[in-house]
Protein backbone atom coordinates (compact mmCIF):
# COMPACT_ATOMS: atom_id res chain seq x y z
CA MET A 1 6.25 -27.56 -126.73
CA ALA A 2 5.71 -24.17 -128.31
CA GLY A 3 8.53 -22.40 -130.11
CA ILE A 4 9.63 -18.98 -128.85
CA LEU A 5 11.47 -16.65 -131.23
CA PHE A 6 11.65 -13.66 -128.90
CA PRO A 7 11.84 -14.63 -125.23
CA GLY A 8 12.01 -12.01 -122.51
CA VAL A 9 11.55 -8.80 -124.53
CA GLU A 10 11.87 -5.89 -122.10
CA ALA A 11 11.39 -2.12 -122.19
CA PRO A 12 11.99 -0.01 -124.13
CA ASP A 13 11.40 -2.74 -126.74
CA LEU A 14 7.95 -4.15 -127.55
CA HIS A 15 7.13 -7.62 -128.87
CA VAL A 16 4.45 -7.36 -131.59
CA MET A 17 2.65 -10.18 -133.40
CA SER A 18 0.18 -10.48 -136.28
CA PHE A 19 -1.70 -13.78 -136.25
CA ASN A 20 -4.69 -15.03 -138.23
CA ILE A 21 -5.97 -17.62 -135.74
CA ARG A 22 -8.39 -19.20 -138.26
CA ARG A 23 -12.12 -18.88 -137.77
CA ARG A 24 -14.00 -21.60 -135.96
CA PHE A 25 -16.60 -23.30 -138.15
CA ASP A 26 -19.55 -25.16 -136.70
CA ARG A 27 -19.58 -27.62 -139.59
CA VAL A 28 -17.05 -30.42 -139.90
CA THR A 29 -14.01 -29.13 -141.80
CA TRP A 30 -11.17 -30.86 -143.57
CA PRO A 31 -8.38 -31.54 -142.77
CA PRO A 32 -9.03 -32.60 -139.17
CA ALA A 33 -6.20 -30.30 -138.05
CA ASP A 34 -8.46 -27.36 -138.98
CA ARG A 35 -11.12 -28.25 -136.42
CA TRP A 36 -11.23 -25.82 -133.53
CA GLN A 37 -11.56 -28.54 -130.92
CA MET A 38 -8.41 -30.14 -132.34
CA ARG A 39 -6.29 -26.99 -132.29
CA LYS A 40 -7.56 -24.69 -129.54
CA GLN A 41 -5.19 -26.11 -126.94
CA ARG A 42 -2.26 -25.76 -129.36
CA LEU A 43 -3.17 -22.10 -129.76
CA ARG A 44 -3.32 -21.67 -125.99
CA THR A 45 0.08 -23.30 -125.56
CA PHE A 46 1.67 -21.13 -128.27
CA LEU A 47 0.21 -17.85 -127.00
CA GLY A 48 0.92 -18.66 -123.38
CA ALA A 49 4.56 -19.31 -124.21
CA ASN A 50 5.11 -16.27 -126.46
CA ARG A 51 2.89 -13.61 -124.83
CA PRO A 52 3.57 -10.65 -127.15
CA HIS A 53 2.92 -7.21 -125.72
CA LEU A 54 0.67 -6.50 -128.72
CA LEU A 55 -1.23 -9.05 -130.80
CA GLY A 56 -3.24 -8.10 -133.87
CA SER A 57 -5.48 -11.09 -134.61
CA GLN A 58 -7.76 -11.93 -137.51
CA GLU A 59 -10.74 -14.29 -137.99
CA ALA A 60 -11.61 -14.42 -134.30
CA MET A 61 -15.15 -15.42 -133.41
CA PRO A 62 -16.32 -14.06 -130.03
CA ASP A 63 -15.61 -17.29 -128.16
CA GLN A 64 -12.21 -17.53 -129.84
CA ALA A 65 -11.38 -13.96 -128.84
CA ARG A 66 -12.15 -14.85 -125.22
CA TRP A 67 -9.99 -17.99 -125.58
CA VAL A 68 -7.08 -15.95 -126.92
CA GLN A 69 -7.38 -13.39 -124.11
CA ASP A 70 -7.52 -16.10 -121.45
CA SER A 71 -4.56 -17.88 -123.07
CA LEU A 72 -2.43 -14.73 -122.93
CA GLY A 73 -3.16 -14.22 -119.25
CA SER A 74 -5.03 -12.04 -116.80
CA SER A 75 -2.92 -8.95 -117.54
CA TYR A 76 -4.20 -8.74 -121.14
CA GLY A 77 -6.97 -6.51 -122.44
CA ARG A 78 -8.88 -6.69 -125.72
CA LEU A 79 -10.20 -4.12 -128.21
CA GLY A 80 -12.58 -4.85 -131.07
CA LEU A 81 -15.99 -6.29 -131.87
CA GLY A 82 -17.46 -8.35 -134.70
CA ARG A 83 -17.84 -7.27 -138.32
CA GLY A 84 -21.61 -7.79 -138.56
CA LYS A 85 -24.33 -5.15 -138.55
CA ASP A 86 -24.90 -5.90 -134.89
CA ARG A 87 -21.12 -5.81 -134.19
CA GLY A 88 -21.26 -9.58 -133.72
CA GLY A 89 -19.53 -12.46 -135.45
CA GLU A 90 -15.98 -12.66 -136.74
CA GLY A 91 -13.65 -9.82 -135.78
CA THR A 92 -10.08 -8.51 -135.81
CA PRO A 93 -9.49 -7.89 -132.10
CA LEU A 94 -6.33 -6.31 -130.76
CA PHE A 95 -4.88 -7.78 -127.55
CA TYR A 96 -2.50 -5.82 -125.35
CA ASP A 97 -0.50 -6.39 -122.19
CA ARG A 98 -1.94 -3.91 -119.67
CA ASP A 99 1.34 -3.95 -117.76
CA ARG A 100 3.06 -2.34 -120.76
CA ILE A 101 0.33 -0.73 -122.85
CA GLY A 102 -2.23 1.92 -121.95
CA VAL A 103 -5.26 2.65 -124.15
CA GLU A 104 -6.06 6.33 -124.69
CA ASP A 105 -8.76 5.88 -127.36
CA TRP A 106 -9.89 3.40 -129.97
CA ARG A 107 -12.49 2.89 -132.66
CA GLN A 108 -13.64 0.25 -135.11
CA VAL A 109 -14.42 1.10 -138.72
CA ALA A 110 -15.67 -0.74 -141.78
CA LEU A 111 -13.49 -0.90 -144.88
CA SER A 112 -16.07 0.81 -147.04
CA ASP A 113 -17.21 4.26 -148.19
CA THR A 114 -19.35 4.38 -145.04
CA PRO A 115 -16.80 3.37 -142.39
CA GLU A 116 -19.04 4.28 -139.46
CA VAL A 117 -21.86 1.97 -140.64
CA PRO A 118 -21.41 -1.50 -139.09
CA GLY A 119 -21.53 -4.32 -141.61
CA SER A 120 -21.10 -2.04 -144.64
CA THR A 121 -19.29 -3.14 -147.81
CA GLY A 122 -18.78 -1.65 -151.24
CA TRP A 123 -15.17 -1.79 -152.43
CA GLY A 124 -15.65 -5.11 -154.23
CA ASN A 125 -15.89 -7.07 -151.00
CA THR A 126 -19.19 -8.83 -150.42
CA ILE A 127 -18.11 -9.76 -146.88
CA PRO A 128 -17.80 -6.90 -144.38
CA ARG A 129 -14.21 -6.07 -143.54
CA ILE A 130 -13.25 -4.06 -140.46
CA ALA A 131 -10.28 -2.43 -138.78
CA VAL A 132 -9.50 -1.62 -135.17
CA ILE A 133 -7.61 1.66 -134.77
CA ALA A 134 -6.22 2.34 -131.30
CA GLN A 135 -4.32 5.21 -129.72
CA LEU A 136 -1.90 3.58 -127.31
CA ARG A 137 0.93 4.49 -124.95
CA ASP A 138 3.92 2.46 -123.82
CA LEU A 139 3.61 2.72 -120.04
CA SER A 140 7.30 1.97 -119.54
CA THR A 141 8.60 4.80 -121.71
CA GLY A 142 5.61 7.14 -122.11
CA ALA A 143 5.81 6.91 -125.91
CA ALA A 144 2.46 7.35 -127.68
CA PHE A 145 1.59 5.59 -130.93
CA THR A 146 -1.25 4.36 -133.15
CA PHE A 147 -1.99 0.69 -133.79
CA VAL A 148 -4.12 -0.52 -136.73
CA ASN A 149 -5.23 -4.13 -137.13
CA THR A 150 -7.37 -5.43 -139.99
CA HIS A 151 -8.05 -8.21 -142.53
CA PHE A 152 -8.14 -7.36 -146.23
CA ASP A 153 -10.61 -9.14 -148.50
CA ALA A 154 -9.71 -12.63 -149.71
CA PHE A 155 -11.62 -12.58 -153.00
CA SER A 156 -11.47 -9.12 -154.59
CA ARG A 157 -8.26 -7.55 -155.87
CA ARG A 158 -10.11 -4.25 -156.20
CA ALA A 159 -11.05 -4.39 -152.53
CA ARG A 160 -7.44 -5.11 -151.55
CA ARG A 161 -6.15 -2.24 -153.67
CA ARG A 162 -8.73 0.11 -152.17
CA SER A 163 -7.90 -1.12 -148.66
CA ALA A 164 -4.20 -0.45 -149.26
CA THR A 165 -5.04 3.12 -150.32
CA TRP A 166 -7.27 3.48 -147.25
CA LEU A 167 -4.37 2.48 -145.02
CA HIS A 168 -2.12 5.05 -146.68
CA ASP A 169 -4.73 7.73 -146.02
CA VAL A 170 -5.09 6.67 -142.37
CA VAL A 171 -1.35 6.95 -141.85
CA ALA A 172 -1.20 10.31 -143.64
CA ALA A 173 -3.91 11.67 -141.31
CA GLN A 174 -2.16 10.49 -138.13
CA GLU A 175 0.57 12.17 -136.19
CA GLY A 176 3.38 10.20 -134.64
CA PRO A 177 4.47 6.56 -134.86
CA LEU A 178 2.12 3.85 -136.17
CA LEU A 179 2.14 0.05 -136.24
CA PHE A 180 0.01 -2.01 -138.63
CA THR A 181 -0.86 -5.72 -138.47
CA ALA A 182 -3.09 -7.60 -140.91
CA ASP A 183 -3.79 -10.59 -143.06
CA VAL A 184 -3.63 -8.72 -146.38
CA ASN A 185 -4.46 -11.80 -148.54
CA ALA A 186 -1.75 -11.02 -151.10
CA HIS A 187 2.01 -10.96 -150.87
CA VAL A 188 2.92 -7.97 -148.74
CA ARG A 189 5.13 -6.56 -151.51
CA SER A 190 2.74 -7.29 -154.38
CA GLY A 191 1.75 -4.62 -156.87
CA GLU A 192 -1.88 -4.62 -155.79
CA LEU A 193 -0.82 -3.51 -152.28
CA ALA A 194 1.70 -0.89 -153.41
CA GLY A 195 -0.60 1.85 -152.13
CA MET A 196 0.34 0.91 -148.57
CA PHE A 197 3.87 2.13 -149.20
CA ALA A 198 3.11 5.24 -151.27
CA ASP A 199 5.06 8.35 -150.28
CA GLY A 200 7.24 6.29 -147.94
CA LEU A 201 4.77 6.63 -145.07
CA LEU A 202 5.05 2.94 -144.11
CA VAL A 203 7.81 0.37 -144.26
CA ASP A 204 7.67 -3.42 -144.25
CA THR A 205 9.36 -4.44 -141.00
CA TRP A 206 10.63 -7.60 -142.69
CA SER A 207 12.61 -5.59 -145.22
CA TYR A 208 13.56 -2.93 -142.67
CA ALA A 209 14.84 -5.11 -139.83
CA PRO A 210 18.60 -5.43 -139.22
CA VAL A 211 18.10 -8.92 -137.74
CA ARG A 212 15.89 -11.76 -138.92
CA HIS A 213 15.33 -14.71 -136.62
CA SER A 214 14.06 -16.94 -139.41
CA ALA A 215 13.82 -17.40 -143.15
CA GLU A 216 11.01 -15.63 -145.01
CA TRP A 217 8.45 -18.40 -144.78
CA GLY A 218 5.15 -18.24 -146.61
CA THR A 219 2.62 -17.45 -143.90
CA PHE A 220 -0.39 -19.37 -145.27
CA ASN A 221 0.84 -22.94 -144.90
CA ASN A 222 -2.64 -24.50 -144.38
CA TYR A 223 -1.38 -27.10 -141.86
CA ALA A 224 1.32 -28.34 -144.23
CA ALA A 225 5.09 -27.97 -144.08
CA PRO A 226 5.88 -24.24 -144.54
CA ARG A 227 7.82 -23.20 -147.63
CA VAL A 228 10.44 -20.50 -148.10
CA GLY A 229 9.49 -18.32 -151.06
CA ALA A 230 5.75 -18.86 -150.72
CA ARG A 231 3.60 -15.76 -150.29
CA ARG A 232 3.98 -13.79 -147.08
CA ILE A 233 0.39 -12.59 -146.81
CA ASP A 234 0.51 -11.53 -143.17
CA ALA A 235 1.84 -8.02 -142.67
CA LEU A 236 3.58 -6.19 -139.87
CA LEU A 237 4.31 -2.65 -141.03
CA ALA A 238 5.49 0.50 -139.28
CA THR A 239 6.14 4.16 -139.89
CA PRO A 240 9.84 4.77 -140.61
CA ASP A 241 10.42 6.44 -137.24
CA VAL A 242 9.74 3.17 -135.39
CA GLY A 243 12.92 1.34 -134.47
CA VAL A 244 12.64 -2.19 -135.85
CA ARG A 245 15.03 -4.37 -133.88
CA ALA A 246 14.30 -7.86 -135.24
CA VAL A 247 11.64 -9.89 -137.09
CA GLY A 248 10.78 -13.54 -137.46
CA ILE A 249 8.26 -16.12 -138.69
CA ASP A 250 8.22 -19.29 -136.61
CA PRO A 251 7.55 -22.27 -138.93
CA ARG A 252 7.48 -24.91 -136.18
CA PRO A 253 4.29 -26.72 -135.19
CA THR A 254 3.11 -26.65 -131.60
CA GLY A 255 3.39 -30.30 -130.67
CA THR A 256 2.44 -32.37 -133.70
CA GLN A 257 0.46 -29.70 -135.60
CA TRP A 258 0.00 -25.98 -136.09
CA PRO A 259 -2.58 -23.97 -134.11
CA SER A 260 -3.79 -22.19 -137.27
CA ASP A 261 -3.61 -22.39 -141.06
CA HIS A 262 -1.43 -19.24 -140.89
CA LEU A 263 1.97 -18.67 -139.33
CA PRO A 264 2.29 -15.61 -137.09
CA VAL A 265 4.61 -12.76 -138.07
CA GLN A 266 6.55 -11.23 -135.19
CA ALA A 267 8.76 -8.21 -134.60
CA VAL A 268 10.58 -6.47 -131.79
CA VAL A 269 10.19 -2.72 -132.12
CA ARG A 270 11.00 0.44 -130.20
CA ILE A 271 8.54 3.36 -130.27
CA PRO A 272 10.28 6.76 -130.44
CA GLY A 273 9.44 9.70 -128.25
CA GLY A 274 9.58 8.15 -124.80
CA SER A 275 12.19 7.98 -122.09
CA GLY A 276 14.92 5.48 -122.84
CA THR A 277 14.28 5.48 -126.60
């Protein structure tokens, strides 16, 4: 059975999740738990049970993105393409419950000095990194907000520092509430990512929440028993005007194993500006 930290979240609250679902590799990988054919049904079970209103995913190949969308159900839409020059390959798609969320606009950019050029790099990352930026509306309350989902570079500290500064600049240029999900590949509160929190434009929902439904588990457990105190490298941030109701990191496997080498980070939030908020 799949664990559920936040069952039955209803308006005006929104259930938000950041989840690196782990890229599918065509070659044989080790351990066996990492193989897509071994874990895809676990992922379907977990997502079908939890069904967040908003899911920012990372490392999704096109077939995996379709699997995630089908697992969430027929009411879910998807935004985002691949990171390659042809907009193919691995991506960071955003999934949303169309019964609660309306899409007013969205775009995909590269984390580079040429954000509109697909497949571009240049901040120290040799692998293209992308972000999906969506203008959304809570259909139950009418509240409008921005949602950003991305995946910072795994190998270059310079790229992560530059990406953190980029996020700060995105938030500074936006008006209204904003949510951010990502695998940031460093502890969320590490010095190299301090630029995300400059000027107080963003807060870490984990630190901000009045209620925590779990311990602060390290989110990259790599199919092993999760540890408290290990790095929380998966982020769920918000502008300070967003009402953070509760957060949690579910450390339990789905059945006998985990559906990914990461644990998902979850929060219940309330977007200001709408009726009932």
